[in-house]
Amino acid sequence: MHTFRFFNAFLPHNDQIAARFYNLFKLPGEIVDRSPELLKLWRERIRYRHDLEMLDDHMLRDIGLSRETALREAQKPFWRT
């Protein structure tokens, strides 16, 4: 709440503009706070995609995937879902 008072001193008295300005500075803090979760998710995706790439055709059929689908998934960058 103190942050709004600080930003309101420099902005016109429009709550919507102040909220947007506040959120602009809040976002990097949230990214830093969530970075351990994000790194864990990315590591899991890397491991999952590597394991998927290593499966043979018989194992892929068992889980209902074609070789092409598995390779397409395995080649995605780790930050993409």
N, C-alpha and C. Protein backbone atom coordinates (compact mmCIF):
# COMPACT_ATOMS: atom_id res chain seq x y z
N MET A 1 0.82 -1.19 0.00
CA MET A 1 0.00 0.00 0.00
C MET A 1 0.86 1.25 0.00
N HIS A 2 2.00 1.20 0.66
CA HIS A 2 2.89 2.36 0.68
C HIS A 2 3.42 2.68 -0.71
N THR A 3 3.53 1.67 -1.53
CA THR A 3 4.05 1.87 -2.89
C THR A 3 3.12 2.77 -3.69
N PHE A 4 1.82 2.59 -3.53
CA PHE A 4 0.88 3.45 -4.26
C PHE A 4 1.05 4.91 -3.86
N ARG A 5 1.25 5.17 -2.60
CA ARG A 5 1.44 6.55 -2.15
C ARG A 5 2.69 7.15 -2.79
N PHE A 6 3.76 6.37 -2.85
CA PHE A 6 4.99 6.86 -3.45
C PHE A 6 4.78 7.19 -4.92
N PHE A 7 4.17 6.27 -5.66
CA PHE A 7 3.96 6.51 -7.09
C PHE A 7 2.94 7.61 -7.35
N ASN A 8 1.94 7.71 -6.49
CA ASN A 8 0.92 8.75 -6.69
C ASN A 8 1.52 10.14 -6.58
N ALA A 9 2.61 10.28 -5.86
CA ALA A 9 3.24 11.59 -5.74
C ALA A 9 3.80 12.05 -7.08
N PHE A 10 4.12 11.13 -7.97
CA PHE A 10 4.73 11.47 -9.24
C PHE A 10 3.78 11.38 -10.43
N LEU A 11 2.60 10.85 -10.21
CA LEU A 11 1.64 10.65 -11.30
C LEU A 11 0.38 11.46 -11.07
N PRO A 12 -0.35 11.69 -12.16
CA PRO A 12 -1.67 12.32 -11.98
C PRO A 12 -2.52 11.43 -11.08
N HIS A 13 -3.50 12.01 -10.45
CA HIS A 13 -4.34 11.25 -9.51
C HIS A 13 -5.33 10.39 -10.26
N ASN A 14 -4.80 9.39 -10.93
CA ASN A 14 -5.62 8.44 -11.67
C ASN A 14 -5.20 7.05 -11.18
N ASP A 15 -6.10 6.39 -10.48
CA ASP A 15 -5.77 5.10 -9.87
C ASP A 15 -5.35 4.06 -10.91
N GLN A 16 -5.95 4.09 -12.07
CA GLN A 16 -5.62 3.11 -13.10
C GLN A 16 -4.19 3.29 -13.58
N ILE A 17 -3.78 4.52 -13.82
CA ILE A 17 -2.39 4.78 -14.25
C ILE A 17 -1.42 4.39 -13.13
N ALA A 18 -1.75 4.75 -11.90
CA ALA A 18 -0.88 4.41 -10.78
C ALA A 18 -0.75 2.89 -10.63
N ALA A 19 -1.85 2.17 -10.82
CA ALA A 19 -1.81 0.71 -10.70
C ALA A 19 -0.94 0.11 -11.80
N ARG A 20 -1.04 0.61 -13.01
CA ARG A 20 -0.20 0.10 -14.10
C ARG A 20 1.27 0.38 -13.83
N PHE A 21 1.58 1.56 -13.35
CA PHE A 21 2.96 1.93 -13.05
C PHE A 21 3.51 1.04 -11.93
N TYR A 22 2.69 0.81 -10.91
CA TYR A 22 3.08 -0.06 -9.81
C TYR A 22 3.33 -1.48 -10.30
N ASN A 23 2.45 -2.00 -11.14
CA ASN A 23 2.60 -3.37 -11.65
C ASN A 23 3.84 -3.50 -12.51
N LEU A 24 4.22 -2.46 -13.21
CA LEU A 24 5.44 -2.48 -14.02
C LEU A 24 6.66 -2.76 -13.16
N PHE A 25 6.69 -2.15 -11.96
CA PHE A 25 7.83 -2.36 -11.07
C PHE A 25 7.68 -3.60 -10.21
N LYS A 26 6.46 -4.08 -10.04
CA LYS A 26 6.21 -5.27 -9.24
C LYS A 26 6.62 -6.54 -9.99
N LEU A 27 6.47 -6.55 -11.32
CA LEU A 27 6.73 -7.74 -12.12
C LEU A 27 8.12 -8.32 -11.94
N PRO A 28 9.21 -7.53 -12.03
CA PRO A 28 10.54 -8.15 -11.84
C PRO A 28 10.69 -8.81 -10.47
N GLY A 29 10.09 -8.25 -9.45
CA GLY A 29 10.15 -8.86 -8.12
C GLY A 29 9.45 -10.20 -8.08
N GLU A 30 8.33 -10.30 -8.76
CA GLU A 30 7.61 -11.57 -8.81
C GLU A 30 8.41 -12.62 -9.57
N ILE A 31 9.08 -12.21 -10.63
CA ILE A 31 9.90 -13.14 -11.39
C ILE A 31 11.02 -13.69 -10.52
N VAL A 32 11.66 -12.82 -9.75
CA VAL A 32 12.73 -13.27 -8.85
C VAL A 32 12.16 -14.20 -7.79
N ASP A 33 11.00 -13.87 -7.25
CA ASP A 33 10.39 -14.72 -6.22
C ASP A 33 10.02 -16.09 -6.76
N ARG A 34 9.60 -16.16 -8.02
CA ARG A 34 9.16 -17.43 -8.60
C ARG A 34 10.28 -18.17 -9.33
N SER A 35 11.47 -17.61 -9.38
CA SER A 35 12.54 -18.22 -10.17
C SER A 35 12.89 -19.65 -9.74
N PRO A 36 12.90 -19.99 -8.45
CA PRO A 36 13.18 -21.40 -8.12
C PRO A 36 12.15 -22.36 -8.71
N GLU A 37 10.87 -21.97 -8.68
CA GLU A 37 9.82 -22.81 -9.28
C GLU A 37 10.02 -22.93 -10.78
N LEU A 38 10.33 -21.81 -11.41
CA LEU A 38 10.52 -21.78 -12.85
C LEU A 38 11.71 -22.62 -13.27
N LEU A 39 12.81 -22.53 -12.54
CA LEU A 39 13.99 -23.34 -12.85
C LEU A 39 13.69 -24.82 -12.69
N LYS A 40 12.94 -25.18 -11.66
CA LYS A 40 12.57 -26.58 -11.46
C LYS A 40 11.71 -27.08 -12.63
N LEU A 41 10.74 -26.27 -13.05
CA LEU A 41 9.89 -26.64 -14.17
C LEU A 41 10.71 -26.83 -15.44
N TRP A 42 11.62 -25.90 -15.71
CA TRP A 42 12.45 -26.01 -16.91
C TRP A 42 13.32 -27.26 -16.87
N ARG A 43 13.90 -27.58 -15.71
CA ARG A 43 14.73 -28.80 -15.59
C ARG A 43 13.88 -30.04 -15.85
N GLU A 44 12.66 -30.06 -15.33
CA GLU A 44 11.77 -31.20 -15.56
C GLU A 44 11.44 -31.35 -17.04
N ARG A 45 11.20 -30.24 -17.72
CA ARG A 45 10.91 -30.30 -19.15
C ARG A 45 12.11 -30.82 -19.94
N ILE A 46 13.29 -30.36 -19.58
CA ILE A 46 14.51 -30.82 -20.27
C ILE A 46 14.66 -32.32 -20.08
N ARG A 47 14.50 -32.79 -18.86
CA ARG A 47 14.65 -34.22 -18.57
C ARG A 47 13.57 -35.03 -19.28
N TYR A 48 12.32 -34.56 -19.21
CA TYR A 48 11.20 -35.26 -19.85
C TYR A 48 11.43 -35.35 -21.35
N ARG A 49 11.83 -34.27 -21.97
CA ARG A 49 12.01 -34.27 -23.43
C ARG A 49 13.20 -35.11 -23.85
N HIS A 50 14.23 -35.13 -23.04
CA HIS A 50 15.38 -35.99 -23.34
C HIS A 50 14.96 -37.46 -23.25
N ASP A 51 14.25 -37.80 -22.18
CA ASP A 51 13.79 -39.18 -22.00
C ASP A 51 12.85 -39.60 -23.13
N LEU A 52 11.98 -38.69 -23.54
CA LEU A 52 11.05 -38.97 -24.63
C LEU A 52 11.80 -39.26 -25.93
N GLU A 53 12.85 -38.51 -26.16
CA GLU A 53 13.66 -38.69 -27.37
C GLU A 53 14.36 -40.05 -27.39
N MET A 54 14.67 -40.58 -26.21
CA MET A 54 15.41 -41.84 -26.11
C MET A 54 14.52 -43.08 -26.22
N LEU A 55 13.21 -42.93 -26.15
CA LEU A 55 12.31 -44.09 -26.21
C LEU A 55 12.34 -44.72 -27.60
N ASP A 56 12.26 -46.05 -27.62
CA ASP A 56 12.18 -46.73 -28.93
C ASP A 56 10.73 -46.74 -29.42
N ASP A 57 10.55 -47.17 -30.66
CA ASP A 57 9.22 -47.13 -31.28
C ASP A 57 8.20 -47.98 -30.51
N HIS A 58 8.62 -49.11 -29.98
CA HIS A 58 7.72 -49.96 -29.21
C HIS A 58 7.21 -49.22 -27.97
N MET A 59 8.09 -48.58 -27.25
CA MET A 59 7.69 -47.85 -26.04
C MET A 59 6.80 -46.65 -26.39
N LEU A 60 7.10 -45.99 -27.50
CA LEU A 60 6.27 -44.86 -27.93
C LEU A 60 4.86 -45.34 -28.27
N ARG A 61 4.76 -46.47 -28.93
CA ARG A 61 3.43 -47.03 -29.23
C ARG A 61 2.68 -47.34 -27.94
N ASP A 62 3.39 -47.85 -26.93
CA ASP A 62 2.76 -48.16 -25.65
C ASP A 62 2.13 -46.93 -25.00
N ILE A 63 2.74 -45.79 -25.17
CA ILE A 63 2.18 -44.57 -24.57
C ILE A 63 1.34 -43.77 -25.56
N GLY A 64 1.17 -44.31 -26.76
CA GLY A 64 0.27 -43.70 -27.73
C GLY A 64 0.84 -42.53 -28.51
N LEU A 65 2.15 -42.51 -28.71
CA LEU A 65 2.78 -41.44 -29.47
C LEU A 65 3.49 -41.99 -30.70
N SER A 66 3.48 -41.21 -31.75
CA SER A 66 4.26 -41.58 -32.93
C SER A 66 5.67 -41.03 -32.76
N ARG A 67 6.60 -41.54 -33.54
CA ARG A 67 7.99 -41.06 -33.50
C ARG A 67 8.03 -39.56 -33.83
N GLU A 68 7.24 -39.14 -34.82
CA GLU A 68 7.24 -37.74 -35.24
C GLU A 68 6.75 -36.82 -34.12
N THR A 69 5.69 -37.23 -33.44
CA THR A 69 5.15 -36.43 -32.33
C THR A 69 6.17 -36.34 -31.20
N ALA A 70 6.80 -37.45 -30.90
CA ALA A 70 7.81 -37.47 -29.83
C ALA A 70 8.99 -36.58 -30.18
N LEU A 71 9.45 -36.63 -31.42
CA LEU A 71 10.58 -35.79 -31.82
C LEU A 71 10.20 -34.31 -31.83
N ARG A 72 8.99 -34.02 -32.27
CA ARG A 72 8.53 -32.63 -32.26
C ARG A 72 8.51 -32.07 -30.84
N GLU A 73 8.01 -32.88 -29.90
CA GLU A 73 7.99 -32.46 -28.50
C GLU A 73 9.41 -32.35 -27.94
N ALA A 74 10.26 -33.29 -28.26
CA ALA A 74 11.63 -33.29 -27.74
C ALA A 74 12.46 -32.12 -28.25
N GLN A 75 12.13 -31.60 -29.41
CA GLN A 75 12.91 -30.52 -29.99
C GLN A 75 12.43 -29.13 -29.56
N LYS A 76 11.36 -29.06 -28.79
CA LYS A 76 10.89 -27.76 -28.31
C LYS A 76 11.91 -27.18 -27.32
N PRO A 77 12.07 -25.87 -27.31
CA PRO A 77 12.91 -25.26 -26.27
C PRO A 77 12.28 -25.48 -24.89
N PHE A 78 13.09 -25.52 -23.87
CA PHE A 78 12.60 -25.85 -22.53
C PHE A 78 11.60 -24.84 -21.98
N TRP A 79 11.58 -23.63 -22.48
CA TRP A 79 10.67 -22.62 -21.95
C TRP A 79 9.28 -22.68 -22.61
N ARG A 80 9.13 -23.50 -23.67
CA ARG A 80 7.84 -23.62 -24.33
C ARG A 80 7.06 -24.80 -23.79
N THR A 81 5.75 -24.63 -23.66
CA THR A 81 4.91 -25.73 -23.17
C THR A 81 4.45 -26.57 -24.34
